[in-house]
Structures are given as C-alpha cells and as structure tokens.
C-alpha atoms as a PDB file:
ATOM      1  CA  MET A   1      85.421 107.789  90.324  1.00  0.00           C
ATOM      2  CA  ILE A   2      87.324 104.451  90.500  1.00  0.00           C
ATOM      3  CA  GLY A   3      86.207 101.642  89.363  1.00  0.00           C
ATOM      4  CA  ASN A   4      87.510  97.797  90.743  1.00  0.00           C
ATOM      5  CA  VAL A   5      91.060  98.087  91.352  1.00  0.00           C
ATOM      6  CA  ASP A   6      92.921  95.126  89.394  1.00  0.00           C
ATOM      7  CA  VAL A   7      95.835  94.069  92.295  1.00  0.00           C
ATOM      8  CA  ARG A   8      97.793  92.335  89.407  1.00  0.00           C
ATOM      9  CA  ALA A   9      98.668  95.593  88.221  1.00  0.00           C
ATOM     10  CA  LEU A  10     100.561  95.984  91.564  1.00  0.00           C
ATOM     11  CA  LEU A  11     102.610  92.944  91.013  1.00  0.00           C
ATOM     12  CA  SER A  12     105.602  94.964  89.648  1.00  0.00           C
ATOM     13  CA  LEU A  13     105.696  97.329  93.137  1.00  0.00           C
ATOM     14  CA  GLN A  14     107.521  94.288  94.450  1.00  0.00           C
ATOM     15  CA  LYS A  15     108.691  96.915  97.274  1.00  0.00           C
ATOM     16  CA  LEU A  16     104.869  98.175  98.398  1.00  0.00           C
ATOM     17  CA  GLU A  17     104.462  97.503 102.323  1.00  0.00           C
ATOM     18  CA  TYR A  18     101.082  99.343 102.412  1.00  0.00           C
ATOM     19  CA  LEU A  19      98.465  99.328 100.494  1.00  0.00           C
ATOM     20  CA  ARG A  20      95.058 101.328 101.071  1.00  0.00           C
ATOM     21  CA  LEU A  21      92.105 100.878  98.830  1.00  0.00           C
ATOM     22  CA  ASN A  22      88.682 102.401  99.050  1.00  0.00           C
ATOM     23  CA  THR A  23      86.970 100.900  95.827  1.00  0.00           C
ATOM     24  CA  GLY A  24      86.006  97.501  94.284  1.00  0.00           C
ATOM     25  CA  ILE A  25      89.037  95.063  94.185  1.00  0.00           C
ATOM     26  CA  ASP A  26      89.525  92.441  91.892  1.00  0.00           C
ATOM     27  CA  HIS A  27      92.282  89.452  91.739  1.00  0.00           C
ATOM     28  CA  ILE A  28      92.115  89.521  95.510  1.00  0.00           C
ATOM     29  CA  GLU A  29      94.710  86.849  95.257  1.00  0.00           C
ATOM     30  CA  ALA A  30      97.254  88.785  93.979  1.00  0.00           C
ATOM     31  CA  LEU A  31      97.982  90.526  96.746  1.00  0.00           C
ATOM     32  CA  LEU A  32      99.821  86.966  98.245  1.00  0.00           C
ATOM     33  CA  ASP A  33     102.301  88.184  95.566  1.00  0.00           C
ATOM     34  CA  LEU A  34     103.307  91.196  96.917  1.00  0.00           C
ATOM     35  CA  PRO A  35     106.260  89.710  99.418  1.00  0.00           C
ATOM     36  CA  ARG A  36     106.845  93.393 101.010  1.00  0.00           C
ATOM     37  CA  LEU A  37     103.105  93.966 101.461  1.00  0.00           C
ATOM     38  CA  LYS A  38     103.238  94.885 105.584  1.00  0.00           C
ATOM     39  CA  GLU A  39      99.510  96.307 105.706  1.00  0.00           C
ATOM     40  CA  VAL A  40      96.108  96.216 103.650  1.00  0.00           C
ATOM     41  CA  ARG A  41      92.683  98.614 104.722  1.00  0.00           C
ATOM     42  CA  VAL A  42      90.006  98.180 102.376  1.00  0.00           C
ATOM     43  CA  LEU A  43      87.102 100.136 102.524  1.00  0.00           C
ATOM     44  CA  ASP A  44      84.292  98.629 101.036  1.00  0.00           C
ATOM     45  CA  ASN A  45      80.886  97.066 100.923  1.00  0.00           C
ATOM     46  CA  GLY A  46      81.549  94.149  98.611  1.00  0.00           C
ATOM     47  CA  THR A  47      84.940  93.199  99.708  1.00  0.00           C
ATOM     48  CA  TYR A  48      83.442  93.178 103.640  1.00  0.00           C
ATOM     49  CA  ASP A  49      80.735  90.198 102.420  1.00  0.00           C
ATOM     50  CA  GLU A  50      83.655  88.459 101.146  1.00  0.00           C
ATOM     51  CA  VAL A  51      85.887  88.715 103.829  1.00  0.00           C
ATOM     52  CA  THR A  52      83.466  87.678 106.503  1.00  0.00           C
ATOM     53  CA  THR A  53      82.612  84.600 104.915  1.00  0.00           C
ATOM     54  CA  THR A  54      84.123  81.567 105.680  1.00  0.00           C
ATOM     55  CA  GLY A  55      86.218  79.676 102.798  1.00  0.00           C
ATOM     56  CA  THR A  56      85.626  82.494 100.212  1.00  0.00           C
ATOM     57  CA  PRO A  57      88.967  83.524  98.137  1.00  0.00           C
ATOM     58  CA  ALA A  58      89.081  87.118  99.741  1.00  0.00           C
ATOM     59  CA  ARG A  59      88.733  84.948 103.070  1.00  0.00           C
ATOM     60  CA  ARG A  60      91.621  82.480 102.529  1.00  0.00           C
ATOM     61  CA  THR A  61      93.646  85.279 101.134  1.00  0.00           C
ATOM     62  CA  PHE A  62      93.483  87.189 104.085  1.00  0.00           C
ATOM     63  CA  ASP A  63      94.282  84.576 106.240  1.00  0.00           C
ATOM     64  CA  ALA A  64      96.690  83.762 104.165  1.00  0.00           C
ATOM     65  CA  LEU A  65      98.309  87.108 104.282  1.00  0.00           C
ATOM     66  CA  LYS A  66      97.500  87.827 108.372  1.00  0.00           C
ATOM     67  CA  ASP A  67      99.299  84.066 108.620  1.00  0.00           C
ATOM     68  CA  ARG A  68     102.610  86.036 107.270  1.00  0.00           C
ATOM     69  CA  GLY A  69     102.777  88.572 110.057  1.00  0.00           C
ATOM     70  CA  VAL A  70     100.246  91.359 107.429  1.00  0.00           C
ATOM     71  CA  ARG A  71      97.953  93.600 109.246  1.00  0.00           C
ATOM     72  CA  VAL A  72      94.839  93.409 107.453  1.00  0.00           C
ATOM     73  CA  TRP A  73      91.949  95.653 108.661  1.00  0.00           C
ATOM     74  CA  VAL A  74      88.345  95.499 105.919  1.00  0.00           C
ATOM     75  CA  HIS A  75      85.659  98.087 106.886  1.00  0.00           C
ATOM     76  CA  TRP A  76      82.399  97.245 105.639  1.00  0.00           C
ATOM     77  CA  ALA A  77      80.998 101.000 104.199  1.00  0.00           C
ATOM     78  CA  SER A  78      77.433 102.580 103.565  1.00  0.00           C
ATOM     79  CA  ALA A  79      75.830 105.771 103.225  1.00  0.00           C
ATOM     80  CA  THR A  80      72.537 104.798 104.303  1.00  0.00           C
ATOM     81  CA  GLU A  81      72.800 101.263 106.626  1.00  0.00           C
ATOM     82  CA  ARG A  82      74.101 100.665 109.364  1.00  0.00           C
ATOM     83  CA  THR A  83      78.192  99.772 109.665  1.00  0.00           C
ATOM     84  CA  PRO A  84      79.151  96.179 110.908  1.00  0.00           C
ATOM     85  CA  PRO A  85      82.442  95.902 113.172  1.00  0.00           C
ATOM     86  CA  ALA A  86      85.360  95.699 110.655  1.00  0.00           C
ATOM     87  CA  PHE A  87      87.367  92.461 110.263  1.00  0.00           C
ATOM     88  CA  GLU A  88      90.674  92.737 111.553  1.00  0.00           C
END
C-alpha cells in the first residue's frame, strides 16, 4: 500500500492535466504550481475533512483551483462509516 503522496514530486510534470489520488496527500498546495491541471479527483478520508472545513490550507487550495477552472472532486472513504457527500 502506498502512503501519502507528496505533490511536490509531481511538479516536474508541467503538462499534467488530470490527477486522481486514492491516498493521503502531503503539500497539497503544490497543486497550484501545475499550470495545465484540468481536473483533480481525490478519494481519501483525511483530505475530505480538510477540504470541507472553511479556512484550512487544503480548502483554500481547492477553492483556488476551482477559481482557475480546474474541476475538483474529493470524496471521503471508509469501510465502516456512512459516506458523506462528495465535495465538488
């Protein structure tokens, strides 16, 4: 199983347009440095809480991406708890 992904490791991929992550994310703000990004989809329990809470760095990052026209989808995942709605 893969641990957290450090988004800074993707910065050399300046033509990256679509990103789907099914794990934790470190340095999520680095997504803003991917100029051609068109869509980011995240399926993870930790990121969901960060993104749905106003004022957190993750929420500010995803709001900035959305303002830039990037499609954003974050969904919470758990094997034992009820799934809340996706953040879009």
